[in-house]
């Protein structure tokens, strides 16, 4: 690893699944990494495929987790969303939008 690691950004639509998994892996390997979404809102799979659960980017992962537990804990545990939100909460408090970041990056991965 170089003495001054690359500044890496990882971007996906909602900053919940792909970008956060890459964030976790890259951080464990010593990279300076930030992850982002580019959507207007965070969309998570709902109880049916045509009814996603939608949150503002200002909503914390913990709050999303608690809200989904109130709605249908077993459904969201089974489809893995609660696991993703728990992991994300251990990495950072809430999703972030790439459009609102002015930090410079050496590499930007899109997922």
Protein backbone atom coordinates (compact mmCIF):
# COMPACT_ATOMS: atom_id res chain seq x y z
CA UNK A 1 0.00 0.00 0.00
CA UNK A 2 1.43 3.43 -0.88
CA UNK A 3 2.21 5.85 1.93
CA UNK A 4 -0.51 8.18 0.58
CA UNK A 5 -3.35 5.90 -0.47
CA UNK A 6 -5.57 6.78 -3.37
CA UNK A 7 -8.81 8.60 -2.59
CA UNK A 8 -11.51 6.33 -3.93
CA UNK A 9 -15.22 6.92 -4.47
CA UNK A 10 -17.72 4.15 -5.14
CA UNK A 11 -21.08 5.11 -6.62
CA UNK A 12 -24.34 3.23 -7.17
CA UNK A 13 -27.98 4.29 -7.31
CA UNK A 14 -29.01 4.37 -3.65
CA UNK A 15 -25.79 3.93 -1.62
CA UNK A 16 -27.18 0.83 0.09
CA UNK A 17 -25.97 -2.35 -1.60
CA UNK A 18 -23.18 -2.38 -4.21
CA UNK A 19 -21.38 0.84 -3.28
CA UNK A 20 -21.49 -0.03 0.41
CA UNK A 21 -20.12 -3.55 -0.14
CA UNK A 22 -17.25 -2.09 -2.17
CA UNK A 23 -16.78 0.61 0.52
CA UNK A 24 -16.44 -2.10 3.17
CA UNK A 25 -13.98 -4.19 1.16
CA UNK A 26 -11.79 -1.27 0.10
CA UNK A 27 -11.70 0.22 3.60
CA UNK A 28 -10.57 -3.12 5.06
CA UNK A 29 -7.72 -3.09 2.53
CA UNK A 30 -6.54 0.34 3.65
CA UNK A 31 -7.98 2.61 0.98
CA UNK A 32 -9.39 6.05 1.75
CA UNK A 33 -12.87 5.45 0.42
CA UNK A 34 -16.23 7.17 0.35
CA UNK A 35 -19.42 5.77 -1.13
CA UNK A 36 -22.39 7.48 -2.70
CA UNK A 37 -25.69 7.12 -4.48
CA UNK A 38 -26.87 9.15 -7.45
CA UNK A 39 -30.64 8.70 -7.26
CA UNK A 40 -33.06 11.35 -6.07
CA UNK A 41 -34.16 9.06 -3.22
CA UNK A 42 -33.07 5.80 -1.66
CA UNK A 43 -35.16 2.93 -3.03
CA UNK A 44 -35.24 -0.45 -1.31
CA UNK A 45 -37.14 -3.56 -2.36
CA UNK A 46 -40.58 -3.64 -0.81
CA UNK A 47 -42.90 -6.52 0.01
CA UNK A 48 -43.78 -6.73 -3.68
CA UNK A 49 -41.63 -6.00 -6.71
CA UNK A 50 -43.73 -3.06 -7.87
CA UNK A 51 -43.85 -1.28 -4.48
CA UNK A 52 -40.36 -0.20 -3.34
CA UNK A 53 -39.79 1.40 0.05
CA UNK A 54 -38.48 4.94 -0.51
CA UNK A 55 -36.47 7.17 1.84
CA UNK A 56 -34.78 10.55 1.58
CA UNK A 57 -30.99 10.49 1.52
CA UNK A 58 -31.06 12.31 4.88
CA UNK A 59 -32.59 9.21 6.54
CA UNK A 60 -30.05 7.25 8.57
CA UNK A 61 -29.48 3.56 7.96
CA UNK A 62 -30.52 2.94 11.56
CA UNK A 63 -33.84 4.71 11.03
CA UNK A 64 -34.49 2.75 7.83
CA UNK A 65 -33.73 -0.47 9.72
CA UNK A 66 -36.10 0.42 12.55
CA UNK A 67 -38.84 1.48 10.12
CA UNK A 68 -38.63 -1.78 8.15
CA UNK A 69 -38.68 -3.79 11.38
CA UNK A 70 -41.93 -2.06 12.33
CA UNK A 71 -43.42 -2.70 8.89
CA UNK A 72 -42.49 -6.38 8.46
CA UNK A 73 -39.32 -7.59 10.21
CA UNK A 74 -39.49 -11.15 8.86
CA UNK A 75 -39.95 -10.08 5.23
CA UNK A 76 -37.00 -7.68 5.30
CA UNK A 77 -34.83 -10.14 7.23
CA UNK A 78 -35.56 -12.84 4.63
CA UNK A 79 -34.74 -10.64 1.65
CA UNK A 80 -31.49 -9.44 3.24
CA UNK A 81 -32.31 -5.75 3.53
CA UNK A 82 -31.95 -5.68 7.32
CA UNK A 83 -28.50 -7.24 7.02
CA UNK A 84 -27.44 -4.60 4.47
CA UNK A 85 -28.72 -1.72 6.61
CA UNK A 86 -26.98 -3.10 9.71
CA UNK A 87 -23.68 -3.41 7.83
CA UNK A 88 -24.07 0.08 6.40
CA UNK A 89 -24.76 1.59 9.81
CA UNK A 90 -21.44 0.16 11.04
CA UNK A 91 -19.65 1.94 8.16
CA UNK A 92 -21.33 5.36 8.18
CA UNK A 93 -24.54 6.95 9.50
CA UNK A 94 -26.52 7.55 6.30
CA UNK A 95 -26.43 7.37 2.51
CA UNK A 96 -24.84 10.25 0.66
CA UNK A 97 -25.49 11.72 -2.79
CA UNK A 98 -22.51 11.98 -5.10
CA UNK A 99 -23.88 15.21 -6.60
CA UNK A 100 -23.56 16.91 -3.20
CA UNK A 101 -19.90 16.05 -2.65
CA UNK A 102 -17.14 18.42 -3.70
CA UNK A 103 -14.23 16.26 -2.47
CA UNK A 104 -11.57 15.32 -5.02
CA UNK A 105 -11.00 11.62 -5.84
CA UNK A 106 -8.23 9.80 -7.66
CA UNK A 107 -10.52 6.99 -8.78
CA UNK A 108 -14.31 6.77 -9.05
CA UNK A 109 -15.93 3.34 -9.47
CA UNK A 110 -19.50 3.17 -10.66
CA UNK A 111 -21.64 0.13 -9.89
